[in-house]
N, C-alpha and C. Protein backbone atom coordinates (compact mmCIF):
# COMPACT_ATOMS: atom_id res chain seq x y z
N MET A 1 0.85 -1.17 0.00
CA MET A 1 0.00 0.00 0.00
C MET A 1 0.89 1.24 0.00
N MET A 2 0.64 2.15 -0.92
CA MET A 2 1.44 3.35 -1.01
C MET A 2 0.77 4.48 -0.24
N MET A 3 1.56 5.18 0.56
CA MET A 3 1.01 6.30 1.32
C MET A 3 1.49 7.60 0.70
N VAL A 4 0.56 8.47 0.39
CA VAL A 4 0.89 9.76 -0.20
C VAL A 4 0.72 10.83 0.85
N ASN A 5 1.72 11.66 0.99
CA ASN A 5 1.67 12.77 1.93
C ASN A 5 1.08 13.97 1.20
N VAL A 6 -0.23 14.11 1.28
CA VAL A 6 -0.93 15.18 0.59
C VAL A 6 -0.44 16.54 1.06
N GLY A 7 -0.17 16.66 2.35
CA GLY A 7 0.30 17.93 2.89
C GLY A 7 1.59 18.39 2.23
N ALA A 8 2.50 17.44 1.95
CA ALA A 8 3.76 17.80 1.31
C ALA A 8 3.52 18.24 -0.12
N CYS A 9 2.55 17.62 -0.79
CA CYS A 9 2.24 17.98 -2.17
C CYS A 9 1.65 19.38 -2.27
N LEU A 10 0.91 19.78 -1.26
CA LEU A 10 0.23 21.07 -1.29
C LEU A 10 0.80 22.05 -0.27
N ARG A 11 2.06 21.87 0.07
CA ARG A 11 2.70 22.69 1.11
C ARG A 11 2.52 24.17 0.86
N GLY A 12 2.62 24.60 -0.37
CA GLY A 12 2.49 26.01 -0.70
C GLY A 12 1.13 26.58 -0.39
N PHE A 13 0.14 25.74 -0.25
CA PHE A 13 -1.22 26.19 0.04
C PHE A 13 -1.57 26.04 1.51
N ALA A 14 -0.58 25.69 2.33
CA ALA A 14 -0.77 25.50 3.78
C ALA A 14 -1.90 24.54 4.08
N PHE A 15 -2.01 23.51 3.27
CA PHE A 15 -3.05 22.50 3.45
C PHE A 15 -2.47 21.34 4.23
N VAL A 16 -3.14 20.95 5.27
CA VAL A 16 -2.71 19.80 6.03
C VAL A 16 -3.87 18.83 6.10
N SER A 17 -3.65 17.65 5.56
CA SER A 17 -4.73 16.67 5.57
C SER A 17 -4.75 15.93 6.89
N LEU A 18 -5.86 15.29 7.17
CA LEU A 18 -6.00 14.47 8.36
C LEU A 18 -4.92 13.39 8.39
N ALA A 19 -4.69 12.76 7.26
CA ALA A 19 -3.70 11.69 7.21
C ALA A 19 -2.30 12.21 7.53
N THR A 20 -2.02 13.44 7.21
CA THR A 20 -0.70 14.00 7.44
C THR A 20 -0.43 14.23 8.91
N CYS A 21 -1.43 14.71 9.64
CA CYS A 21 -1.21 15.10 11.04
C CYS A 21 -1.49 14.01 12.05
N SER A 22 -2.25 13.03 11.71
CA SER A 22 -2.70 12.10 12.73
C SER A 22 -2.05 10.72 12.64
N HIS A 23 -1.11 10.56 11.79
CA HIS A 23 -0.47 9.27 11.58
C HIS A 23 0.80 9.17 12.42
N ARG A 24 1.22 7.99 12.72
CA ARG A 24 2.43 7.74 13.49
C ARG A 24 3.66 8.34 12.81
N LEU A 25 3.66 8.43 11.50
CA LEU A 25 4.80 8.96 10.76
C LEU A 25 4.72 10.46 10.53
N THR A 26 3.89 11.13 11.29
CA THR A 26 3.71 12.56 11.16
C THR A 26 5.02 13.30 11.36
N GLY A 27 5.28 14.23 10.45
CA GLY A 27 6.45 15.08 10.60
C GLY A 27 6.07 16.35 11.34
N TRP A 28 7.01 16.90 12.08
CA TRP A 28 6.71 18.08 12.88
C TRP A 28 6.38 19.28 12.01
N ASN A 29 6.87 19.30 10.77
CA ASN A 29 6.53 20.42 9.88
C ASN A 29 5.04 20.43 9.53
N ALA A 30 4.45 19.25 9.38
CA ALA A 30 3.01 19.18 9.12
C ALA A 30 2.24 19.67 10.34
N VAL A 31 2.71 19.31 11.53
CA VAL A 31 2.07 19.75 12.76
C VAL A 31 2.26 21.26 12.91
N LYS A 32 3.44 21.76 12.56
CA LYS A 32 3.69 23.20 12.65
C LYS A 32 2.72 23.96 11.75
N SER A 33 2.46 23.42 10.58
CA SER A 33 1.51 24.05 9.67
C SER A 33 0.12 24.11 10.31
N ARG A 34 -0.26 23.03 10.98
CA ARG A 34 -1.57 22.99 11.66
C ARG A 34 -1.60 24.00 12.81
N VAL A 35 -0.51 24.11 13.55
CA VAL A 35 -0.41 25.09 14.64
C VAL A 35 -0.66 26.49 14.09
N GLU A 36 -0.05 26.78 12.95
CA GLU A 36 -0.23 28.10 12.32
C GLU A 36 -1.67 28.30 11.87
N GLN A 37 -2.29 27.24 11.33
CA GLN A 37 -3.69 27.34 10.90
C GLN A 37 -4.60 27.63 12.09
N LEU A 38 -4.25 27.08 13.25
CA LEU A 38 -5.05 27.29 14.45
C LEU A 38 -4.75 28.64 15.11
N GLY A 39 -3.72 29.32 14.63
CA GLY A 39 -3.36 30.62 15.18
C GLY A 39 -2.66 30.55 16.51
N LEU A 40 -2.01 29.42 16.79
CA LEU A 40 -1.29 29.24 18.05
C LEU A 40 0.16 29.68 17.88
N GLN A 41 0.70 30.34 18.88
CA GLN A 41 2.10 30.77 18.87
C GLN A 41 2.93 29.74 19.63
N MET A 42 3.72 28.96 18.90
CA MET A 42 4.56 27.95 19.52
C MET A 42 5.93 27.96 18.85
N THR A 43 6.99 27.72 19.64
CA THR A 43 8.33 27.61 19.08
C THR A 43 8.46 26.27 18.36
N ASP A 44 9.51 26.14 17.55
CA ASP A 44 9.75 24.87 16.87
C ASP A 44 9.92 23.74 17.87
N ASN A 45 10.63 23.99 18.96
CA ASN A 45 10.83 22.94 19.97
C ASN A 45 9.52 22.54 20.64
N GLN A 46 8.64 23.49 20.85
CA GLN A 46 7.33 23.17 21.43
C GLN A 46 6.51 22.34 20.44
N VAL A 47 6.55 22.70 19.15
CA VAL A 47 5.83 21.93 18.13
C VAL A 47 6.37 20.51 18.08
N LYS A 48 7.68 20.37 18.13
CA LYS A 48 8.29 19.03 18.11
C LYS A 48 7.86 18.22 19.32
N ASP A 49 7.79 18.85 20.48
CA ASP A 49 7.35 18.17 21.69
C ASP A 49 5.90 17.70 21.57
N ALA A 50 5.04 18.58 21.08
CA ALA A 50 3.63 18.22 20.89
C ALA A 50 3.50 17.12 19.82
N THR A 51 4.33 17.18 18.79
CA THR A 51 4.32 16.16 17.74
C THR A 51 4.64 14.79 18.32
N ASN A 52 5.58 14.74 19.25
CA ASN A 52 5.91 13.47 19.90
C ASN A 52 4.69 12.88 20.60
N LYS A 53 3.88 13.73 21.24
CA LYS A 53 2.68 13.24 21.92
C LYS A 53 1.67 12.73 20.90
N ILE A 54 1.51 13.45 19.79
CA ILE A 54 0.59 13.01 18.73
C ILE A 54 1.01 11.64 18.22
N LYS A 55 2.31 11.45 18.02
CA LYS A 55 2.82 10.16 17.55
C LYS A 55 2.56 9.06 18.59
N GLU A 56 2.79 9.40 19.84
CA GLU A 56 2.55 8.43 20.93
C GLU A 56 1.08 8.00 20.95
N LEU A 57 0.18 8.96 20.83
CA LEU A 57 -1.25 8.65 20.82
C LEU A 57 -1.65 7.88 19.57
N ALA A 58 -0.99 8.17 18.44
CA ALA A 58 -1.29 7.47 17.19
C ALA A 58 -0.85 6.01 17.24
N ASP A 59 0.09 5.69 18.13
CA ASP A 59 0.49 4.29 18.32
C ASP A 59 -0.63 3.49 18.97
N VAL A 60 -1.48 4.16 19.74
CA VAL A 60 -2.55 3.50 20.47
C VAL A 60 -3.80 3.38 19.62
N ARG A 61 -4.17 4.50 18.95
CA ARG A 61 -5.35 4.47 18.08
C ARG A 61 -5.24 5.61 17.07
N THR A 62 -5.97 5.50 16.00
CA THR A 62 -5.99 6.53 14.97
C THR A 62 -6.51 7.83 15.57
N GLN A 63 -5.84 8.92 15.27
CA GLN A 63 -6.21 10.22 15.79
C GLN A 63 -7.00 11.00 14.73
N SER A 64 -8.09 11.60 15.15
CA SER A 64 -8.86 12.46 14.24
C SER A 64 -8.21 13.84 14.25
N MET A 65 -8.60 14.68 13.32
CA MET A 65 -8.09 16.05 13.31
C MET A 65 -8.49 16.76 14.60
N GLU A 66 -9.67 16.46 15.11
CA GLU A 66 -10.11 17.04 16.39
C GLU A 66 -9.18 16.61 17.53
N ASP A 67 -8.75 15.34 17.51
CA ASP A 67 -7.80 14.85 18.52
C ASP A 67 -6.49 15.62 18.45
N VAL A 68 -5.99 15.79 17.24
CA VAL A 68 -4.73 16.51 17.02
C VAL A 68 -4.88 17.95 17.50
N ASP A 69 -5.97 18.59 17.11
CA ASP A 69 -6.21 19.98 17.52
C ASP A 69 -6.28 20.11 19.03
N THR A 70 -6.90 19.13 19.69
CA THR A 70 -7.00 19.15 21.14
C THR A 70 -5.62 19.06 21.77
N VAL A 71 -4.79 18.15 21.28
CA VAL A 71 -3.43 18.03 21.81
C VAL A 71 -2.70 19.36 21.66
N LEU A 72 -2.82 19.97 20.49
CA LEU A 72 -2.11 21.24 20.25
C LEU A 72 -2.64 22.36 21.13
N ARG A 73 -3.95 22.44 21.27
CA ARG A 73 -4.54 23.51 22.09
C ARG A 73 -4.21 23.32 23.58
N VAL A 74 -4.26 22.08 24.05
CA VAL A 74 -3.93 21.82 25.45
C VAL A 74 -2.45 22.11 25.70
N TYR A 75 -1.60 21.70 24.78
CA TYR A 75 -0.16 21.98 24.91
C TYR A 75 0.07 23.49 24.97
N HIS A 76 -0.51 24.21 24.01
CA HIS A 76 -0.35 25.66 23.94
C HIS A 76 -0.85 26.32 25.23
N SER A 77 -2.01 25.90 25.68
CA SER A 77 -2.59 26.45 26.90
C SER A 77 -1.67 26.21 28.10
N GLY A 78 -1.10 25.01 28.18
CA GLY A 78 -0.20 24.68 29.27
C GLY A 78 1.06 25.53 29.26
N VAL A 79 1.59 25.78 28.07
CA VAL A 79 2.79 26.61 27.95
C VAL A 79 2.48 28.06 28.33
N VAL A 80 1.37 28.59 27.79
CA VAL A 80 0.99 29.97 28.04
C VAL A 80 0.72 30.20 29.53
N SER A 81 0.10 29.22 30.19
CA SER A 81 -0.22 29.36 31.62
C SER A 81 1.01 29.17 32.51
N GLY A 82 2.09 28.66 31.93
CA GLY A 82 3.29 28.41 32.71
C GLY A 82 3.31 27.06 33.39
N GLU A 83 2.27 26.26 33.18
CA GLU A 83 2.18 24.93 33.80
C GLU A 83 3.07 23.90 33.12
N LEU A 84 3.38 24.12 31.83
CA LEU A 84 4.04 23.10 31.03
C LEU A 84 5.34 23.62 30.44
N GLU A 85 6.37 22.80 30.54
CA GLU A 85 7.65 23.10 29.91
C GLU A 85 7.97 21.97 28.94
N ILE A 86 8.80 22.27 27.97
CA ILE A 86 9.18 21.29 26.95
C ILE A 86 9.72 20.03 27.63
N GLY A 87 9.21 18.88 27.21
CA GLY A 87 9.68 17.60 27.71
C GLY A 87 9.02 17.12 28.99
N ASP A 88 8.12 17.90 29.55
CA ASP A 88 7.45 17.53 30.80
C ASP A 88 6.23 16.66 30.49
N ARG A 89 6.47 15.40 30.24
CA ARG A 89 5.40 14.48 29.82
C ARG A 89 4.34 14.27 30.89
N GLN A 90 4.75 14.20 32.14
CA GLN A 90 3.78 13.96 33.22
C GLN A 90 2.78 15.10 33.30
N THR A 91 3.26 16.32 33.25
CA THR A 91 2.36 17.47 33.32
C THR A 91 1.47 17.50 32.09
N PHE A 92 2.03 17.23 30.92
CA PHE A 92 1.24 17.23 29.69
C PHE A 92 0.15 16.17 29.76
N ASP A 93 0.49 14.99 30.23
CA ASP A 93 -0.52 13.93 30.38
C ASP A 93 -1.62 14.35 31.36
N ARG A 94 -1.22 15.00 32.45
CA ARG A 94 -2.20 15.47 33.45
C ARG A 94 -3.11 16.52 32.84
N LEU A 95 -2.55 17.45 32.05
CA LEU A 95 -3.36 18.48 31.41
C LEU A 95 -4.34 17.88 30.39
N LEU A 96 -3.87 16.90 29.63
CA LEU A 96 -4.76 16.22 28.67
C LEU A 96 -5.87 15.48 29.39
N GLN A 97 -5.53 14.80 30.49
CA GLN A 97 -6.55 14.08 31.25
C GLN A 97 -7.57 15.04 31.84
N ARG A 98 -7.10 16.16 32.37
CA ARG A 98 -8.02 17.16 32.93
C ARG A 98 -8.96 17.67 31.83
N HIS A 99 -8.41 17.91 30.64
CA HIS A 99 -9.25 18.36 29.53
C HIS A 99 -10.30 17.30 29.17
N ARG A 100 -9.88 16.04 29.12
CA ARG A 100 -10.83 14.95 28.81
C ARG A 100 -11.91 14.86 29.88
N ASP A 101 -11.50 14.96 31.13
CA ASP A 101 -12.47 14.88 32.23
C ASP A 101 -13.49 16.00 32.14
N LEU A 102 -13.03 17.21 31.87
CA LEU A 102 -13.95 18.34 31.75
C LEU A 102 -14.85 18.21 30.52
N SER A 103 -14.30 17.67 29.43
CA SER A 103 -15.08 17.49 28.21
C SER A 103 -16.14 16.41 28.35
N ASN A 104 -15.81 15.38 29.13
CA ASN A 104 -16.74 14.24 29.30
C ASN A 104 -17.74 14.44 30.42
N ALA A 105 -17.51 15.43 31.25
CA ALA A 105 -18.41 15.67 32.38
C ALA A 105 -19.75 16.16 31.88
N SER A 106 -20.80 15.47 32.29
CA SER A 106 -22.13 15.93 31.91
C SER A 106 -22.65 16.82 33.02
N PRO A 107 -23.42 17.82 32.66
CA PRO A 107 -23.95 18.70 33.71
C PRO A 107 -24.80 17.91 34.69
N THR A 108 -24.63 18.19 35.96
CA THR A 108 -25.44 17.55 36.98
C THR A 108 -26.57 18.48 37.36
N GLU A 109 -27.52 17.95 38.08
CA GLU A 109 -28.65 18.78 38.50
C GLU A 109 -28.17 19.96 39.33
N GLU A 110 -27.11 19.72 40.13
CA GLU A 110 -26.60 20.79 40.97
C GLU A 110 -26.02 21.93 40.16
N SER A 111 -25.45 21.62 38.99
CA SER A 111 -24.81 22.68 38.21
C SER A 111 -25.78 23.37 37.25
N LEU A 112 -26.98 22.80 37.10
CA LEU A 112 -27.97 23.42 36.22
C LEU A 112 -28.67 24.56 36.96
N PRO A 113 -29.05 25.60 36.22
CA PRO A 113 -29.75 26.70 36.88
C PRO A 113 -31.09 26.20 37.43
N SER A 114 -31.46 26.73 38.56
CA SER A 114 -32.69 26.35 39.21
C SER A 114 -33.88 26.97 38.48
N THR A 115 -34.96 26.20 38.40
CA THR A 115 -36.18 26.73 37.80
C THR A 115 -37.15 27.22 38.88
N GLU A 116 -36.74 27.04 40.15
CA GLU A 116 -37.56 27.49 41.28
C GLU A 116 -37.42 29.01 41.40
N PRO A 117 -38.51 29.68 41.73
CA PRO A 117 -38.41 31.14 41.93
C PRO A 117 -37.53 31.44 43.15
N THR A 118 -36.75 32.48 43.03
CA THR A 118 -35.89 32.90 44.13
C THR A 118 -36.71 33.66 45.15
N PRO A 119 -36.65 33.28 46.42
CA PRO A 119 -37.42 33.99 47.44
C PRO A 119 -36.91 35.44 47.56
N VAL A 120 -37.85 36.33 47.73
CA VAL A 120 -37.51 37.75 47.85
C VAL A 120 -37.70 38.15 49.31
N ALA A 121 -36.68 38.80 49.85
CA ALA A 121 -36.76 39.25 51.26
C ALA A 121 -37.70 40.44 51.35
N VAL A 122 -38.54 40.44 52.35
CA VAL A 122 -39.51 41.53 52.53
C VAL A 122 -39.12 42.40 53.69
C-alpha cells in the first residue's frame, strides 16, 4: 500500500490533511503548519514536543483532526499558563486528562440553573 503525503504535495497552500497530522509517521513540519492554521504561537521545539505526543497517541489508536487539535490547544494552553515546559510528559498527560475529564463531564442537576423562583426578602 502506497502512502501519499498530501500535505507535502500542497505545502504552498498551507493544506494539512487528516492523514498527514494524525499518523504515526507525522512530521513536525506538518504539525507546525496545523499550529499556524489554528493561530497558536509555539516555538519549533514546542511543536516538536507536541508532535511526539501526537505520535505516541497514534500508536494507540488513529487520531482524528479534532484529537490533534485538542493536543495542540492543550499543549499551547499549558505553555501559556506556565504549567508546562518542553519535555514535561507527566504534566502534559495530566493536562490532557483534565481536559478529557472536563469534556466528558455531563452537567449535573446541581450545576444546572434552578427553575424554582428565588425567594424575595420583605
